[in-house]
């Protein structure tokens, strides 16, 4: 498989916007892209799962809901707990097969996690375990807000301590206004991975436009 695993320091940091933007940037370079949200929890009042709708729409070519998502739970809580509430188990092999089947149809597959890297998917495995199995380079999404330096460095340490492939990090601004003083400077100095882009805050994000703010990893430069 070729592609990336997109994780974040927390929930609500802009992983979905970053993943859709990455899909748009790869599509600009002529790549076919499947942007996946294999596990999602938290359904909107209209019955849709916003993350899934975004990613399937900005895949190239676009995906159906079933091609983008494998497990969906209405409660906005940790996925393994949501599954338990519904008497279900998230099966690791099913998820892996789901990603591999998608990857076989495109040039690049993007896999977006839920919450942070160490969010459990079962009683004895989490997103880091699954990312290691998939072998896709990780991209870390960091919201430029107070607390970001600590959260980002801890997450990066969790990546590097397990020798996972690591492509770099993307900074986002989920809310309007300038980042807390020193946040960006502290991230640049404290993180070891390369900065792949800074996505500004906009009221209605457009991944096609935001893609101009993204610097793809080095192995994508010659696309």
N, C-alpha and C. Protein backbone atom coordinates (compact mmCIF):
# COMPACT_ATOMS: atom_id res chain seq x y z
N UNK A 1 0.84 -1.20 0.00
CA UNK A 1 0.00 0.00 0.00
C UNK A 1 0.87 1.24 0.00
N UNK A 2 0.40 2.26 -0.67
CA UNK A 2 1.05 3.56 -0.64
C UNK A 2 0.04 4.60 -0.18
N UNK A 3 0.44 5.43 0.75
CA UNK A 3 -0.45 6.44 1.26
C UNK A 3 0.01 6.91 2.62
N UNK A 4 -0.94 7.36 3.46
CA UNK A 4 -0.61 7.94 4.76
C UNK A 4 -1.69 7.61 5.77
N UNK A 5 -1.28 7.54 7.02
CA UNK A 5 -2.20 7.38 8.14
C UNK A 5 -2.23 8.71 8.88
N UNK A 6 -3.40 9.33 8.95
CA UNK A 6 -3.52 10.66 9.54
C UNK A 6 -4.05 10.54 10.97
N UNK A 7 -3.25 10.99 11.91
CA UNK A 7 -3.65 10.99 13.31
C UNK A 7 -3.58 12.41 13.85
N UNK A 8 -3.98 12.60 15.10
CA UNK A 8 -3.96 13.93 15.68
C UNK A 8 -3.59 13.90 17.14
N UNK A 9 -3.39 15.07 17.69
CA UNK A 9 -3.08 15.17 19.11
C UNK A 9 -4.32 14.95 19.97
N UNK A 10 -5.50 15.07 19.36
CA UNK A 10 -6.75 15.00 20.13
C UNK A 10 -7.90 14.98 19.13
N UNK A 11 -9.12 14.96 19.64
CA UNK A 11 -10.27 15.14 18.77
C UNK A 11 -10.49 16.63 18.52
N UNK A 12 -11.12 16.96 17.40
CA UNK A 12 -11.41 18.36 17.10
C UNK A 12 -10.23 19.20 16.69
N UNK A 13 -9.15 18.57 16.21
CA UNK A 13 -7.97 19.34 15.82
C UNK A 13 -7.92 19.62 14.32
N UNK A 14 -8.89 19.09 13.58
CA UNK A 14 -8.91 19.35 12.13
C UNK A 14 -8.37 18.22 11.29
N UNK A 15 -8.41 16.98 11.80
CA UNK A 15 -7.89 15.85 11.04
C UNK A 15 -8.63 15.67 9.72
N UNK A 16 -9.96 15.81 9.77
CA UNK A 16 -10.74 15.55 8.55
C UNK A 16 -10.46 16.60 7.49
N UNK A 17 -10.40 17.86 7.88
CA UNK A 17 -10.07 18.91 6.92
C UNK A 17 -8.66 18.69 6.36
N UNK A 18 -7.72 18.32 7.22
CA UNK A 18 -6.35 18.07 6.76
C UNK A 18 -6.31 16.88 5.81
N UNK A 19 -7.07 15.82 6.11
CA UNK A 19 -7.07 14.63 5.25
C UNK A 19 -7.69 14.95 3.90
N UNK A 20 -8.82 15.68 3.91
CA UNK A 20 -9.44 16.07 2.65
C UNK A 20 -8.52 16.98 1.84
N UNK A 21 -7.80 17.86 2.52
CA UNK A 21 -6.86 18.75 1.84
C UNK A 21 -5.71 17.96 1.24
N UNK A 22 -5.23 16.98 1.97
CA UNK A 22 -4.17 16.12 1.43
C UNK A 22 -4.67 15.36 0.21
N UNK A 23 -5.92 14.89 0.26
CA UNK A 23 -6.50 14.20 -0.90
C UNK A 23 -6.56 15.14 -2.11
N UNK A 24 -6.98 16.39 -1.87
CA UNK A 24 -7.06 17.36 -2.96
C UNK A 24 -5.68 17.66 -3.53
N UNK A 25 -4.68 17.76 -2.66
CA UNK A 25 -3.32 18.05 -3.12
C UNK A 25 -2.76 16.90 -3.96
N UNK A 26 -3.04 15.67 -3.55
CA UNK A 26 -2.58 14.51 -4.32
C UNK A 26 -3.31 14.42 -5.66
N UNK A 27 -4.60 14.73 -5.64
CA UNK A 27 -5.37 14.70 -6.89
C UNK A 27 -4.84 15.73 -7.88
N UNK A 28 -4.39 16.89 -7.38
CA UNK A 28 -3.81 17.91 -8.25
C UNK A 28 -2.58 17.38 -8.98
N UNK A 29 -1.92 16.41 -8.40
CA UNK A 29 -0.73 15.82 -8.99
C UNK A 29 -1.05 14.57 -9.81
N UNK A 30 -2.32 14.39 -10.07
CA UNK A 30 -2.73 13.30 -10.94
C UNK A 30 -2.89 11.95 -10.26
N UNK A 31 -2.88 11.94 -8.93
CA UNK A 31 -3.06 10.68 -8.21
C UNK A 31 -4.54 10.36 -8.04
N UNK A 32 -4.87 9.09 -8.12
CA UNK A 32 -6.18 8.66 -7.63
C UNK A 32 -6.02 8.41 -6.13
N UNK A 33 -7.04 8.81 -5.37
CA UNK A 33 -6.92 8.82 -3.91
C UNK A 33 -8.20 8.31 -3.26
N UNK A 34 -8.06 7.40 -2.31
CA UNK A 34 -9.18 6.98 -1.47
C UNK A 34 -8.91 7.50 -0.06
N UNK A 35 -9.73 8.46 0.38
CA UNK A 35 -9.62 9.01 1.73
C UNK A 35 -10.65 8.31 2.60
N UNK A 36 -10.18 7.56 3.59
CA UNK A 36 -11.04 6.68 4.37
C UNK A 36 -11.19 7.14 5.81
N UNK A 37 -12.37 6.94 6.35
CA UNK A 37 -12.63 7.08 7.79
C UNK A 37 -13.18 5.72 8.23
N UNK A 38 -12.30 4.76 8.46
CA UNK A 38 -12.76 3.39 8.71
C UNK A 38 -13.67 3.26 9.92
N UNK A 39 -13.39 4.06 10.98
CA UNK A 39 -14.22 4.02 12.18
C UNK A 39 -14.63 5.45 12.51
N UNK A 40 -15.93 5.67 12.68
CA UNK A 40 -16.43 7.00 13.02
C UNK A 40 -17.45 6.87 14.14
N UNK A 41 -17.43 7.82 15.06
CA UNK A 41 -18.45 7.88 16.11
C UNK A 41 -18.88 9.33 16.26
N UNK A 42 -20.19 9.55 16.28
CA UNK A 42 -20.73 10.90 16.37
C UNK A 42 -21.49 11.27 15.12
N UNK A 43 -22.81 11.05 15.15
CA UNK A 43 -23.65 11.33 13.99
C UNK A 43 -24.34 12.67 14.14
N UNK A 44 -24.49 13.39 13.03
CA UNK A 44 -25.17 14.68 13.05
C UNK A 44 -26.68 14.47 13.18
N UNK A 45 -27.40 15.54 13.50
CA UNK A 45 -28.85 15.46 13.67
C UNK A 45 -29.56 15.05 12.39
N UNK A 46 -28.93 15.34 11.24
CA UNK A 46 -29.56 14.97 9.97
C UNK A 46 -29.29 13.52 9.58
N UNK A 47 -28.58 12.80 10.45
CA UNK A 47 -28.31 11.39 10.19
C UNK A 47 -27.00 11.12 9.48
N UNK A 48 -26.30 12.16 9.08
CA UNK A 48 -25.03 11.99 8.36
C UNK A 48 -23.84 12.00 9.34
N UNK A 49 -22.77 11.40 8.91
CA UNK A 49 -21.49 11.46 9.62
C UNK A 49 -20.61 12.43 8.84
N UNK A 50 -20.37 13.61 9.40
CA UNK A 50 -19.70 14.68 8.67
C UNK A 50 -18.32 14.25 8.15
N UNK A 51 -17.54 13.58 8.97
CA UNK A 51 -16.20 13.17 8.55
C UNK A 51 -16.26 12.28 7.31
N UNK A 52 -17.18 11.34 7.32
CA UNK A 52 -17.31 10.42 6.20
C UNK A 52 -17.73 11.17 4.94
N UNK A 53 -18.68 12.09 5.09
CA UNK A 53 -19.15 12.85 3.93
C UNK A 53 -18.03 13.67 3.31
N UNK A 54 -17.22 14.30 4.15
CA UNK A 54 -16.09 15.08 3.64
C UNK A 54 -15.10 14.20 2.88
N UNK A 55 -14.71 13.11 3.49
CA UNK A 55 -13.64 12.31 2.90
C UNK A 55 -14.08 11.59 1.63
N UNK A 56 -15.30 11.10 1.64
CA UNK A 56 -15.74 10.42 0.42
C UNK A 56 -15.88 11.40 -0.74
N UNK A 57 -16.30 12.63 -0.42
CA UNK A 57 -16.49 13.65 -1.45
C UNK A 57 -15.16 14.08 -2.07
N UNK A 58 -14.11 14.20 -1.24
CA UNK A 58 -12.83 14.70 -1.75
C UNK A 58 -11.87 13.59 -2.14
N UNK A 59 -12.32 12.35 -2.08
CA UNK A 59 -11.54 11.28 -2.70
C UNK A 59 -11.58 11.48 -4.21
N UNK A 60 -10.62 10.88 -4.87
CA UNK A 60 -10.51 11.08 -6.33
C UNK A 60 -10.28 9.74 -7.02
N UNK A 61 -11.33 9.15 -7.61
CA UNK A 61 -12.71 9.64 -7.74
C UNK A 61 -13.48 9.52 -6.41
N UNK A 62 -14.62 10.20 -6.29
CA UNK A 62 -15.39 10.15 -5.04
C UNK A 62 -15.81 8.72 -4.69
N UNK A 63 -15.97 8.49 -3.38
CA UNK A 63 -16.35 7.17 -2.88
C UNK A 63 -17.81 7.17 -2.43
N UNK A 64 -18.36 5.98 -2.33
CA UNK A 64 -19.65 5.83 -1.65
C UNK A 64 -19.39 5.80 -0.15
N UNK A 65 -20.45 5.91 0.64
CA UNK A 65 -20.30 5.82 2.09
C UNK A 65 -19.69 4.48 2.48
N UNK A 66 -20.15 3.41 1.87
CA UNK A 66 -19.65 2.07 2.21
C UNK A 66 -18.19 1.89 1.82
N UNK A 67 -17.72 2.61 0.82
CA UNK A 67 -16.32 2.53 0.41
C UNK A 67 -15.42 3.35 1.31
N UNK A 68 -16.01 4.33 2.01
CA UNK A 68 -15.23 5.23 2.86
C UNK A 68 -15.20 4.78 4.31
N UNK A 69 -16.26 4.13 4.76
CA UNK A 69 -16.41 3.81 6.18
C UNK A 69 -16.78 2.36 6.41
N UNK A 70 -16.23 1.80 7.49
CA UNK A 70 -16.47 0.40 7.83
C UNK A 70 -17.35 0.25 9.07
N UNK A 71 -17.06 1.04 10.12
CA UNK A 71 -17.84 1.02 11.36
C UNK A 71 -18.30 2.44 11.67
N UNK A 72 -19.60 2.60 11.95
CA UNK A 72 -20.16 3.91 12.28
C UNK A 72 -21.08 3.79 13.48
N UNK A 73 -20.86 4.66 14.46
CA UNK A 73 -21.66 4.65 15.68
C UNK A 73 -22.20 6.06 15.94
N UNK A 74 -23.46 6.18 16.34
CA UNK A 74 -24.06 7.52 16.49
C UNK A 74 -23.52 8.33 17.66
N UNK A 75 -23.07 7.68 18.73
CA UNK A 75 -22.65 8.41 19.93
C UNK A 75 -21.27 9.05 19.72
N UNK A 76 -21.10 10.32 20.12
CA UNK A 76 -19.80 10.99 19.99
C UNK A 76 -18.86 10.64 21.14
N UNK A 77 -18.49 9.37 21.23
CA UNK A 77 -17.62 8.88 22.29
C UNK A 77 -16.55 8.00 21.67
N UNK A 78 -15.63 7.50 22.50
CA UNK A 78 -14.56 6.64 22.01
C UNK A 78 -15.15 5.46 21.25
N UNK A 79 -14.59 5.13 20.07
CA UNK A 79 -15.20 4.10 19.21
C UNK A 79 -15.38 2.74 19.88
N UNK A 80 -14.38 2.29 20.64
CA UNK A 80 -14.50 0.96 21.24
C UNK A 80 -15.64 0.92 22.25
N UNK A 81 -15.90 2.06 22.92
CA UNK A 81 -16.99 2.12 23.88
C UNK A 81 -18.33 2.23 23.17
N UNK A 82 -18.36 2.97 22.09
CA UNK A 82 -19.58 3.05 21.28
C UNK A 82 -19.95 1.68 20.73
N UNK A 83 -18.95 0.94 20.28
CA UNK A 83 -19.20 -0.41 19.77
C UNK A 83 -19.79 -1.28 20.87
N UNK A 84 -19.25 -1.17 22.08
CA UNK A 84 -19.75 -1.97 23.20
C UNK A 84 -21.21 -1.65 23.49
N UNK A 85 -21.56 -0.37 23.43
CA UNK A 85 -22.95 0.02 23.68
C UNK A 85 -23.92 -0.66 22.72
N UNK A 86 -23.42 -0.95 21.52
CA UNK A 86 -24.28 -1.57 20.49
C UNK A 86 -24.05 -3.08 20.39
N UNK A 87 -23.34 -3.64 21.37
CA UNK A 87 -23.11 -5.07 21.36
C UNK A 87 -22.22 -5.54 20.24
N UNK A 88 -21.33 -4.65 19.79
CA UNK A 88 -20.45 -4.98 18.67
C UNK A 88 -18.99 -5.01 19.12
N UNK A 89 -18.16 -5.57 18.27
CA UNK A 89 -16.72 -5.58 18.44
C UNK A 89 -16.11 -5.06 17.15
N UNK A 90 -15.13 -4.17 17.25
CA UNK A 90 -14.41 -3.71 16.08
C UNK A 90 -13.34 -4.74 15.75
N UNK A 91 -13.48 -5.38 14.61
CA UNK A 91 -12.58 -6.47 14.22
C UNK A 91 -11.38 -5.91 13.45
N UNK A 92 -10.22 -6.19 13.97
CA UNK A 92 -8.98 -5.65 13.38
C UNK A 92 -8.76 -6.14 11.95
N UNK A 93 -8.97 -7.44 11.72
CA UNK A 93 -8.74 -7.98 10.38
C UNK A 93 -9.72 -7.38 9.37
N UNK A 94 -10.95 -7.16 9.80
CA UNK A 94 -11.93 -6.54 8.90
C UNK A 94 -11.48 -5.15 8.50
N UNK A 95 -10.98 -4.37 9.46
CA UNK A 95 -10.49 -3.03 9.15
C UNK A 95 -9.30 -3.08 8.19
N UNK A 96 -8.38 -3.98 8.46
CA UNK A 96 -7.19 -4.09 7.61
C UNK A 96 -7.57 -4.49 6.20
N UNK A 97 -8.45 -5.46 6.07
CA UNK A 97 -8.90 -5.87 4.74
C UNK A 97 -9.61 -4.72 4.02
N UNK A 98 -10.38 -3.96 4.77
CA UNK A 98 -11.11 -2.81 4.20
C UNK A 98 -10.13 -1.81 3.58
N UNK A 99 -9.06 -1.49 4.31
CA UNK A 99 -8.08 -0.54 3.80
C UNK A 99 -7.32 -1.12 2.61
N UNK A 100 -6.93 -2.36 2.70
CA UNK A 100 -6.17 -2.97 1.60
C UNK A 100 -6.99 -3.05 0.32
N UNK A 101 -8.26 -3.35 0.44
CA UNK A 101 -9.12 -3.39 -0.75
C UNK A 101 -9.25 -2.02 -1.38
N UNK A 102 -9.37 -0.98 -0.56
CA UNK A 102 -9.43 0.38 -1.09
C UNK A 102 -8.11 0.76 -1.75
N UNK A 103 -7.01 0.41 -1.10
CA UNK A 103 -5.68 0.77 -1.62
C UNK A 103 -5.40 0.11 -2.96
N UNK A 104 -5.97 -1.05 -3.18
CA UNK A 104 -5.73 -1.77 -4.43
C UNK A 104 -6.36 -1.08 -5.63
N UNK A 105 -7.29 -0.16 -5.38
CA UNK A 105 -8.01 0.49 -6.47
C UNK A 105 -7.46 1.87 -6.81
N UNK A 106 -6.52 2.38 -6.01
CA UNK A 106 -6.05 3.76 -6.19
C UNK A 106 -4.53 3.85 -6.05
N UNK A 107 -4.01 5.03 -6.39
CA UNK A 107 -2.57 5.27 -6.22
C UNK A 107 -2.19 5.51 -4.77
N UNK A 108 -3.06 6.22 -4.02
CA UNK A 108 -2.77 6.55 -2.63
C UNK A 108 -4.02 6.33 -1.79
N UNK A 109 -3.82 5.75 -0.62
CA UNK A 109 -4.90 5.61 0.34
C UNK A 109 -4.57 6.47 1.56
N UNK A 110 -5.56 7.19 2.04
CA UNK A 110 -5.42 8.01 3.24
C UNK A 110 -6.35 7.43 4.30
N UNK A 111 -5.80 7.13 5.46
CA UNK A 111 -6.59 6.54 6.54
C UNK A 111 -6.63 7.53 7.70
N UNK A 112 -7.80 8.03 8.02
CA UNK A 112 -7.93 8.96 9.13
C UNK A 112 -8.39 8.23 10.38
N UNK A 113 -7.67 8.43 11.47
CA UNK A 113 -8.06 7.85 12.75
C UNK A 113 -9.16 8.64 13.41
N UNK A 114 -9.50 8.23 14.62
CA UNK A 114 -10.51 8.95 15.42
C UNK A 114 -9.85 9.37 16.73
N UNK A 115 -9.98 10.65 17.09
CA UNK A 115 -9.31 11.12 18.30
C UNK A 115 -7.81 11.11 18.12
N UNK A 116 -7.10 10.66 19.15
CA UNK A 116 -5.64 10.64 19.11
C UNK A 116 -5.09 9.26 18.81
N UNK A 117 -3.77 9.17 18.79
CA UNK A 117 -3.08 7.95 18.35
C UNK A 117 -3.31 6.77 19.28
N UNK A 118 -3.49 7.02 20.57
CA UNK A 118 -3.62 5.92 21.53
C UNK A 118 -5.07 5.63 21.92
N UNK A 119 -6.01 6.14 21.14
CA UNK A 119 -7.41 5.80 21.37
C UNK A 119 -7.62 4.30 21.12
N UNK A 120 -8.20 3.58 22.07
CA UNK A 120 -8.39 2.13 21.89
C UNK A 120 -9.41 1.82 20.79
N UNK A 121 -9.17 0.72 20.11
CA UNK A 121 -10.14 0.15 19.19
C UNK A 121 -10.70 -1.17 19.71
N UNK A 122 -10.06 -1.68 20.76
CA UNK A 122 -10.49 -2.91 21.40
C UNK A 122 -9.84 -3.00 22.76
N UNK A 123 -10.03 -4.10 23.45
CA UNK A 123 -9.50 -4.23 24.80
C UNK A 123 -7.98 -4.32 24.84
N UNK A 124 -7.36 -4.73 23.74
CA UNK A 124 -5.91 -4.93 23.75
C UNK A 124 -5.21 -4.34 22.53
N UNK A 125 -5.85 -3.39 21.86
CA UNK A 125 -5.18 -2.74 20.71
C UNK A 125 -5.76 -1.35 20.50
N UNK A 126 -4.93 -0.49 19.91
CA UNK A 126 -5.33 0.90 19.68
C UNK A 126 -4.89 1.33 18.29
N UNK A 127 -5.08 2.61 18.00
CA UNK A 127 -4.75 3.10 16.67
C UNK A 127 -3.26 2.97 16.36
N UNK A 128 -2.42 3.12 17.35
CA UNK A 128 -0.99 2.97 17.09
C UNK A 128 -0.66 1.55 16.67
N UNK A 129 -1.26 0.58 17.34
CA UNK A 129 -1.05 -0.81 16.97
C UNK A 129 -1.49 -1.06 15.53
N UNK A 130 -2.64 -0.52 15.19
CA UNK A 130 -3.16 -0.75 13.84
C UNK A 130 -2.33 -0.01 12.79
N UNK A 131 -1.90 1.21 13.10
CA UNK A 131 -1.04 1.95 12.17
C UNK A 131 0.25 1.18 11.91
N UNK A 132 0.81 0.57 12.95
CA UNK A 132 2.02 -0.23 12.78
C UNK A 132 1.77 -1.40 11.84
N UNK A 133 0.62 -2.01 11.97
CA UNK A 133 0.28 -3.14 11.09
C UNK A 133 0.14 -2.70 9.64
N UNK A 134 -0.52 -1.57 9.41
CA UNK A 134 -0.72 -1.09 8.05
C UNK A 134 0.59 -0.65 7.41
N UNK A 135 1.48 -0.09 8.22
CA UNK A 135 2.78 0.32 7.71
C UNK A 135 2.77 1.62 6.92
N UNK A 136 1.68 2.36 6.96
CA UNK A 136 1.62 3.64 6.25
C UNK A 136 2.32 4.72 7.07
N UNK A 137 3.07 5.61 6.42
CA UNK A 137 3.68 6.72 7.15
C UNK A 137 2.62 7.58 7.83
N UNK A 138 2.89 7.99 9.05
CA UNK A 138 1.94 8.80 9.80
C UNK A 138 2.13 10.28 9.52
N UNK A 139 1.01 11.00 9.47
CA UNK A 139 1.01 12.45 9.45
C UNK A 139 0.25 12.90 10.69
N UNK A 140 0.87 13.75 11.49
CA UNK A 140 0.30 14.23 12.74
C UNK A 140 -0.35 15.60 12.53
N UNK A 141 -1.61 15.72 12.90
CA UNK A 141 -2.32 16.99 12.79
C UNK A 141 -2.35 17.65 14.16
N UNK A 142 -1.92 18.91 14.20
CA UNK A 142 -1.78 19.65 15.45
C UNK A 142 -2.56 20.96 15.35
N UNK A 143 -3.51 21.17 16.25
CA UNK A 143 -4.23 22.44 16.30
C UNK A 143 -3.36 23.47 17.03
N UNK A 144 -3.20 24.63 16.42
CA UNK A 144 -2.32 25.67 16.98
C UNK A 144 -3.05 26.43 18.08
N UNK A 145 -3.13 25.79 19.26
CA UNK A 145 -3.82 26.39 20.40
C UNK A 145 -3.02 26.09 21.66
N UNK A 146 -3.41 26.73 22.73
CA UNK A 146 -2.69 26.54 23.99
C UNK A 146 -2.69 25.07 24.37
N UNK A 147 -1.52 24.55 24.72
CA UNK A 147 -1.38 23.14 25.05
C UNK A 147 -0.85 22.29 23.91
N UNK A 148 -0.79 22.88 22.70
CA UNK A 148 -0.41 22.11 21.52
C UNK A 148 1.02 21.58 21.60
N UNK A 149 1.93 22.34 22.18
CA UNK A 149 3.33 21.90 22.19
C UNK A 149 3.47 20.60 22.96
N UNK A 150 2.90 20.55 24.15
CA UNK A 150 2.99 19.34 24.96
C UNK A 150 2.30 18.16 24.27
N UNK A 151 1.08 18.37 23.80
CA UNK A 151 0.31 17.28 23.18
C UNK A 151 1.01 16.77 21.92
N UNK A 152 1.55 17.68 21.13
CA UNK A 152 2.21 17.28 19.90
C UNK A 152 3.50 16.52 20.18
N UNK A 153 4.28 17.00 21.12
CA UNK A 153 5.53 16.31 21.42
C UNK A 153 5.28 14.92 22.02
N UNK A 154 4.26 14.82 22.86
CA UNK A 154 3.93 13.50 23.42
C UNK A 154 3.49 12.53 22.32
N UNK A 155 2.66 13.01 21.41
CA UNK A 155 2.19 12.14 20.33
C UNK A 155 3.34 11.74 19.41
N UNK A 156 4.19 12.69 19.09
CA UNK A 156 5.33 12.36 18.24
C UNK A 156 6.24 11.35 18.93
N UNK A 157 6.44 11.50 20.23
CA UNK A 157 7.24 10.52 20.97
C UNK A 157 6.61 9.13 20.89
N UNK A 158 5.27 9.08 20.95
CA UNK A 158 4.57 7.80 20.85
C UNK A 158 4.76 7.17 19.48
N UNK A 159 4.91 7.99 18.46
CA UNK A 159 5.18 7.49 17.11
C UNK A 159 6.61 6.98 17.01
N UNK A 160 7.56 7.81 17.42
CA UNK A 160 8.96 7.49 17.25
C UNK A 160 9.41 6.36 18.18
N UNK A 161 8.82 6.28 19.36
CA UNK A 161 9.22 5.22 20.30
C UNK A 161 8.93 3.84 19.76
N UNK A 162 7.96 3.72 18.88
CA UNK A 162 7.63 2.43 18.26
C UNK A 162 8.17 2.32 16.84
N UNK A 163 9.05 3.25 16.48
CA UNK A 163 9.73 3.23 15.17
C UNK A 163 8.73 3.17 14.02
N UNK A 164 7.61 3.88 14.16
CA UNK A 164 6.64 3.92 13.07
C UNK A 164 7.11 4.89 11.99
N UNK A 165 6.83 4.61 10.74
CA UNK A 165 7.19 5.58 9.70
C UNK A 165 6.43 6.87 9.91
N UNK A 166 7.13 7.99 9.76
CA UNK A 166 6.58 9.28 10.14
C UNK A 166 6.91 10.30 9.05
N UNK A 167 5.86 10.83 8.40
CA UNK A 167 6.07 11.75 7.28
C UNK A 167 6.22 13.19 7.73
N UNK A 168 5.58 13.56 8.86
CA UNK A 168 5.66 14.94 9.32
C UNK A 168 4.34 15.39 9.93
N UNK A 169 4.21 16.70 10.12
CA UNK A 169 3.02 17.23 10.79
C UNK A 169 2.41 18.41 10.05
N UNK A 170 1.11 18.58 10.27
CA UNK A 170 0.35 19.68 9.68
C UNK A 170 -0.25 20.51 10.81
N UNK A 171 -0.08 21.81 10.75
CA UNK A 171 -0.68 22.70 11.73
C UNK A 171 -2.02 23.21 11.23
N UNK A 172 -3.00 23.27 12.12
CA UNK A 172 -4.33 23.77 11.74
C UNK A 172 -4.76 24.87 12.70
N UNK A 173 -5.73 25.66 12.26
CA UNK A 173 -6.33 26.69 13.11
C UNK A 173 -7.84 26.49 13.11
N UNK A 174 -8.34 25.61 14.00
CA UNK A 174 -9.78 25.31 14.02
C UNK A 174 -10.65 26.49 14.40
N UNK A 175 -10.10 27.46 15.11
CA UNK A 175 -10.88 28.63 15.53
C UNK A 175 -10.19 29.89 15.02
N UNK A 176 -10.96 31.00 14.86
CA UNK A 176 -10.35 32.24 14.36
C UNK A 176 -9.39 32.85 15.37
N UNK A 177 -8.53 33.71 14.87
CA UNK A 177 -7.58 34.40 15.73
C UNK A 177 -6.19 33.80 15.62
N UNK A 178 -5.23 34.56 16.06
CA UNK A 178 -3.84 34.12 16.01
C UNK A 178 -3.59 33.03 17.06
N UNK A 179 -2.67 32.10 16.77
CA UNK A 179 -2.32 31.08 17.78
C UNK A 179 -1.76 31.73 19.03
N UNK A 180 -1.84 31.01 20.15
CA UNK A 180 -1.22 31.50 21.38
C UNK A 180 0.25 31.82 21.13
N UNK A 181 0.72 32.91 21.72
CA UNK A 181 2.09 33.37 21.49
C UNK A 181 3.10 32.25 21.76
N UNK A 182 3.98 32.05 20.80
CA UNK A 182 5.05 31.07 20.95
C UNK A 182 4.66 29.66 20.56
N UNK A 183 3.37 29.41 20.25
CA UNK A 183 2.94 28.04 19.95
C UNK A 183 3.61 27.51 18.69
N UNK A 184 3.51 28.24 17.60
CA UNK A 184 4.10 27.76 16.36
C UNK A 184 5.61 27.65 16.47
N UNK A 185 6.22 28.65 17.10
CA UNK A 185 7.68 28.61 17.27
C UNK A 185 8.09 27.41 18.11
N UNK A 186 7.32 27.12 19.17
CA UNK A 186 7.64 25.98 20.02
C UNK A 186 7.47 24.66 19.30
N UNK A 187 6.47 24.56 18.44
CA UNK A 187 6.27 23.34 17.66
C UNK A 187 7.40 23.14 16.65
N UNK A 188 7.76 24.21 15.98
CA UNK A 188 8.85 24.10 15.00
C UNK A 188 10.15 23.65 15.66
N UNK A 189 10.39 24.16 16.87
CA UNK A 189 11.63 23.83 17.57
C UNK A 189 11.56 22.45 18.24
N UNK A 190 10.38 22.06 18.69
CA UNK A 190 10.27 20.86 19.50
C UNK A 190 9.94 19.58 18.78
N UNK A 191 9.36 19.69 17.59
CA UNK A 191 9.00 18.49 16.84
C UNK A 191 10.12 18.10 15.89
N UNK A 192 10.31 16.81 15.74
CA UNK A 192 11.41 16.33 14.89
C UNK A 192 10.99 16.09 13.45
N UNK A 193 9.70 15.90 13.22
CA UNK A 193 9.22 15.69 11.86
C UNK A 193 9.10 17.00 11.11
N UNK A 194 9.14 16.95 9.78
CA UNK A 194 9.02 18.18 8.98
C UNK A 194 7.61 18.75 9.02
N UNK A 195 7.51 20.06 8.93
CA UNK A 195 6.22 20.74 8.83
C UNK A 195 5.74 20.63 7.39
N UNK A 196 4.55 20.05 7.20
CA UNK A 196 4.01 19.82 5.86
C UNK A 196 3.03 20.89 5.42
N UNK A 197 2.70 21.80 6.32
CA UNK A 197 1.79 22.87 5.94
C UNK A 197 1.05 23.45 7.12
N UNK A 198 0.58 24.67 6.97
CA UNK A 198 -0.23 25.36 7.97
C UNK A 198 -1.55 25.72 7.32
N UNK A 199 -2.64 25.16 7.82
CA UNK A 199 -3.96 25.40 7.25
C UNK A 199 -4.65 26.50 8.04
N UNK A 200 -4.94 27.64 7.43
CA UNK A 200 -5.55 28.76 8.14
C UNK A 200 -7.01 28.47 8.46
N UNK A 201 -7.54 29.23 9.42
CA UNK A 201 -8.96 29.11 9.75
C UNK A 201 -9.79 29.82 8.69
N UNK A 202 -10.80 29.11 8.19
CA UNK A 202 -11.79 29.71 7.30
C UNK A 202 -13.16 29.18 7.74
N UNK A 203 -14.18 30.00 7.60
CA UNK A 203 -15.51 29.60 8.07
C UNK A 203 -16.05 28.40 7.32
N UNK A 204 -15.81 28.36 6.02
CA UNK A 204 -16.25 27.25 5.19
C UNK A 204 -15.04 26.69 4.46
N UNK A 205 -14.35 25.73 5.05
CA UNK A 205 -13.11 25.23 4.46
C UNK A 205 -13.32 24.61 3.08
N UNK A 206 -12.43 24.93 2.18
CA UNK A 206 -12.42 24.36 0.84
C UNK A 206 -11.09 23.66 0.63
N UNK A 207 -11.07 22.33 0.67
CA UNK A 207 -9.81 21.60 0.54
C UNK A 207 -9.06 21.93 -0.75
N UNK A 208 -9.76 22.23 -1.82
CA UNK A 208 -9.07 22.57 -3.07
C UNK A 208 -8.22 23.83 -2.90
N UNK A 209 -8.76 24.81 -2.18
CA UNK A 209 -8.01 26.04 -1.92
C UNK A 209 -6.96 25.83 -0.84
N UNK A 210 -7.32 25.11 0.22
CA UNK A 210 -6.37 24.86 1.31
C UNK A 210 -5.17 24.05 0.84
N UNK A 211 -5.35 23.28 -0.22
CA UNK A 211 -4.24 22.46 -0.74
C UNK A 211 -3.04 23.31 -1.12
N UNK A 212 -3.27 24.58 -1.43
CA UNK A 212 -2.18 25.48 -1.79
C UNK A 212 -1.27 25.77 -0.60
N UNK A 213 -1.78 25.51 0.62
CA UNK A 213 -0.99 25.75 1.83
C UNK A 213 -0.23 24.50 2.28
N UNK A 214 -0.36 23.43 1.51
CA UNK A 214 0.21 22.15 1.93
C UNK A 214 1.46 21.82 1.14
N UNK A 215 2.48 21.33 1.83
CA UNK A 215 3.70 20.86 1.19
C UNK A 215 3.74 19.35 1.35
N UNK A 216 3.57 18.63 0.26
CA UNK A 216 3.53 17.19 0.35
C UNK A 216 4.89 16.61 0.75
N UNK A 217 4.89 15.43 1.35
CA UNK A 217 6.18 14.79 1.68
C UNK A 217 7.08 14.67 0.46
N UNK A 218 8.36 14.55 0.69
CA UNK A 218 9.35 14.61 -0.36
C UNK A 218 9.11 13.58 -1.47
N UNK A 219 8.60 12.39 -1.10
CA UNK A 219 8.41 11.36 -2.11
C UNK A 219 7.25 11.68 -3.05
N UNK A 220 6.48 12.74 -2.77
CA UNK A 220 5.38 13.14 -3.63
C UNK A 220 5.75 14.33 -4.50
N UNK A 221 6.91 14.91 -4.30
CA UNK A 221 7.25 16.17 -4.98
C UNK A 221 7.34 16.03 -6.48
N UNK A 222 7.71 14.86 -6.97
CA UNK A 222 7.93 14.69 -8.40
C UNK A 222 6.71 14.14 -9.13
N UNK A 223 5.53 14.20 -8.48
CA UNK A 223 4.31 13.70 -9.11
C UNK A 223 3.96 14.56 -10.33
